[in-house]
Amino acid sequence: MSIYEIKVKKSNGEEYELSEYKGKPMLIVNTATKCGFSNQFDSLEKLYAKYKEDGLVVLGFPSNQFHQEVSNAEEAAQACRMSYGVTFPMHDMVKLNGKDAHPLFNYLTSNSKGFLSDSIKWNFTKFLVDKNGNIVERYAPKDHPETCEKDIQQVLSE
């Protein structure tokens, strides 16, 4: 299976396949607006603004798996826009781990190694995917988005 075959839903309920981003690097992030790491929205938005003309897409996927998100995807997207100025695509609320995990996060975790286990341990785990759909790097929640920038520049130049 390719990442491009996976269907996702935007926060407004619009469903699409990730093949829409074929040929573009993606930074995929599980988010939570009530998390202590929510200040990372600012940095994610700055990266998106800086590199979107070069093809970078930042994709936010809110999750309440760690009980730090508002009640629904539209509220989460609105909070991101209003509090952090987020313009990158925000998606429907997803499960990250377990039998009900979204297929995207099953794919990402089974094709990249985490610390001690493959499961996502907290909000703001980030996955950088290159222009060909390959996972380049997995970043821990504590890794600030700026730490991704060199890798982003590398995949943009390939």
Protein backbone atom coordinates (compact mmCIF):
# COMPACT_ATOMS: atom_id res chain seq x y z
CA MET A 1 0.00 0.00 0.00
CA SER A 2 1.11 3.54 -0.78
CA ILE A 3 0.44 6.59 1.38
CA TYR A 4 -1.23 8.08 -1.69
CA GLU A 5 -4.03 5.49 -1.54
CA ILE A 6 -5.13 6.60 1.91
CA LYS A 7 -8.29 8.67 2.22
CA VAL A 8 -8.57 11.44 4.79
CA LYS A 9 -11.23 13.99 5.69
CA LYS A 10 -10.76 17.70 6.14
CA SER A 11 -12.32 19.31 9.20
CA ASN A 12 -15.32 20.31 7.05
CA GLY A 13 -15.98 16.62 6.23
CA GLU A 14 -14.62 16.76 2.65
CA GLU A 15 -12.93 13.43 1.88
CA TYR A 16 -9.95 13.09 -0.46
CA GLU A 17 -6.98 10.83 -1.17
CA LEU A 18 -3.46 11.86 -0.23
CA SER A 19 -2.56 11.33 -3.90
CA GLU A 20 -3.61 15.00 -4.16
CA TYR A 21 -0.14 15.74 -2.74
CA LYS A 22 1.85 13.43 -5.01
CA GLY A 23 5.10 15.17 -5.90
CA LYS A 24 4.99 17.37 -2.79
CA PRO A 25 6.65 16.76 0.55
CA MET A 26 4.23 16.48 3.48
CA LEU A 27 4.78 17.20 7.14
CA ILE A 28 2.01 15.25 8.89
CA VAL A 29 1.31 16.14 12.52
CA ASN A 30 -1.13 14.85 15.11
CA THR A 31 -2.35 17.90 16.98
CA ALA A 32 -4.26 18.92 20.10
CA THR A 33 -5.21 22.50 20.89
CA LYS A 34 -5.17 21.98 24.68
CA CYS A 35 -1.75 20.33 24.76
CA GLY A 36 1.32 21.90 26.35
CA PHE A 37 3.01 21.57 22.95
CA SER A 38 0.29 23.61 21.19
CA ASN A 39 2.76 26.50 20.86
CA GLN A 40 4.20 24.39 18.02
CA PHE A 41 1.27 25.53 15.84
CA ASP A 42 3.09 28.87 15.41
CA SER A 43 6.26 27.18 14.19
CA LEU A 44 4.36 24.76 11.95
CA GLU A 45 2.55 27.71 10.36
CA LYS A 46 5.86 29.56 9.85
CA LEU A 47 7.37 26.51 8.12
CA TYR A 48 4.27 26.18 5.95
CA ALA A 49 4.33 29.87 4.99
CA LYS A 50 8.07 29.75 4.26
CA TYR A 51 8.05 26.60 2.09
CA LYS A 52 4.54 26.22 0.63
CA GLU A 53 5.55 28.00 -2.59
CA ASP A 54 8.29 25.35 -2.91
CA GLY A 55 5.70 22.59 -2.51
CA LEU A 56 5.66 21.74 1.22
CA VAL A 57 2.30 20.76 2.65
CA VAL A 58 1.71 20.68 6.40
CA LEU A 59 -1.25 18.50 7.37
CA GLY A 60 -2.76 18.70 10.84
CA PHE A 61 -4.77 15.82 12.30
CA PRO A 62 -6.42 16.59 15.63
CA SER A 63 -6.80 13.74 18.05
CA ASN A 64 -8.36 13.47 21.46
CA GLN A 65 -6.65 10.15 22.17
CA PHE A 66 -4.68 11.86 24.95
CA HIS A 67 -7.69 13.90 26.17
CA GLN A 68 -6.30 17.29 25.15
CA GLU A 69 -8.52 18.30 22.27
CA VAL A 70 -11.85 20.09 21.96
CA SER A 71 -15.00 18.14 21.15
CA ASN A 72 -14.90 18.01 17.34
CA ALA A 73 -12.72 18.63 14.28
CA GLU A 74 -14.38 21.88 13.22
CA GLU A 75 -13.91 23.37 16.70
CA ALA A 76 -10.28 22.25 16.67
CA ALA A 77 -9.69 23.80 13.22
CA GLN A 78 -11.38 27.04 14.32
CA ALA A 79 -9.23 27.16 17.46
CA CYS A 80 -6.12 26.66 15.31
CA ARG A 81 -7.12 29.45 12.94
CA MET A 82 -8.18 31.90 15.66
CA SER A 83 -5.49 31.26 18.28
CA TYR A 84 -2.51 30.41 16.10
CA GLY A 85 -3.27 31.79 12.62
CA VAL A 86 -3.10 28.32 11.08
CA THR A 87 -3.71 28.27 7.32
CA PHE A 88 -2.45 24.75 6.55
CA PRO A 89 -5.10 22.03 6.07
CA MET A 90 -6.66 20.71 9.26
CA HIS A 91 -8.48 17.39 9.21
CA ASP A 92 -11.15 15.35 10.92
CA MET A 93 -10.53 14.07 14.43
CA VAL A 94 -8.62 10.77 14.27
CA LYS A 95 -7.51 7.93 16.52
CA LEU A 96 -3.76 7.41 16.46
CA ASN A 97 -3.28 4.05 18.14
CA GLY A 98 -5.18 0.83 18.71
CA LYS A 99 -7.71 -1.12 16.69
CA ASP A 100 -9.60 2.06 15.70
CA ALA A 101 -6.52 3.97 14.57
CA HIS A 102 -6.93 5.87 11.32
CA PRO A 103 -5.30 4.06 8.34
CA LEU A 104 -2.92 6.99 7.84
CA PHE A 105 -1.49 6.65 11.32
CA ASN A 106 -1.36 2.87 11.03
CA TYR A 107 0.67 3.37 7.86
CA LEU A 108 2.95 6.01 9.37
CA THR A 109 3.67 4.10 12.57
CA SER A 110 4.20 0.75 10.86
CA ASN A 111 6.66 2.32 8.40
CA SER A 112 8.71 4.37 10.86
CA LYS A 113 10.26 3.59 14.19
CA GLY A 114 9.39 5.39 17.38
CA PHE A 115 11.28 5.43 20.66
CA LEU A 116 10.78 2.06 22.42
CA SER A 117 7.68 1.19 20.34
CA ASP A 118 6.00 2.18 17.10
CA SER A 119 2.88 3.65 18.74
CA ILE A 120 2.36 7.38 19.01
CA LYS A 121 2.98 8.36 22.59
CA TRP A 122 1.79 11.98 22.61
CA ASN A 123 0.47 14.92 20.62
CA PHE A 124 2.62 16.65 18.02
CA THR A 125 4.43 13.60 16.71
CA LYS A 126 5.55 14.69 13.25
CA PHE A 127 6.24 12.65 10.10
CA LEU A 128 8.11 14.05 7.11
CA VAL A 129 7.17 12.37 3.82
CA ASP A 130 9.16 13.07 0.65
CA LYS A 131 7.85 13.91 -2.83
CA ASN A 132 7.62 10.18 -3.66
CA GLY A 133 5.58 9.21 -0.61
CA ASN A 134 8.47 7.77 1.44
CA ILE A 135 8.68 8.51 5.15
CA VAL A 136 11.95 10.38 5.63
CA GLU A 137 11.83 11.04 9.35
CA ARG A 138 9.68 10.72 12.44
CA TYR A 139 10.02 13.46 15.04
CA ALA A 140 9.06 13.19 18.70
CA PRO A 141 6.51 15.55 20.25
CA LYS A 142 9.26 17.43 22.08
CA ASP A 143 11.11 18.05 18.78
CA HIS A 144 10.19 21.59 17.88
CA PRO A 145 9.21 22.04 14.21
CA GLU A 146 12.36 24.06 13.52
CA THR A 147 14.34 20.84 14.00
CA CYS A 148 12.59 19.53 10.87
CA GLU A 149 13.72 22.43 8.68
CA LYS A 150 17.02 20.98 7.40
CA ASP A 151 15.25 17.75 6.43
CA ILE A 152 12.47 19.77 4.76
CA GLN A 153 15.03 21.72 2.76
CA GLN A 154 16.68 18.45 1.74
CA VAL A 155 13.46 16.84 0.45
CA LEU A 156 12.49 20.05 -1.35
CA SER A 157 15.82 20.06 -3.19
CA GLU A 158 15.55 16.42 -4.36
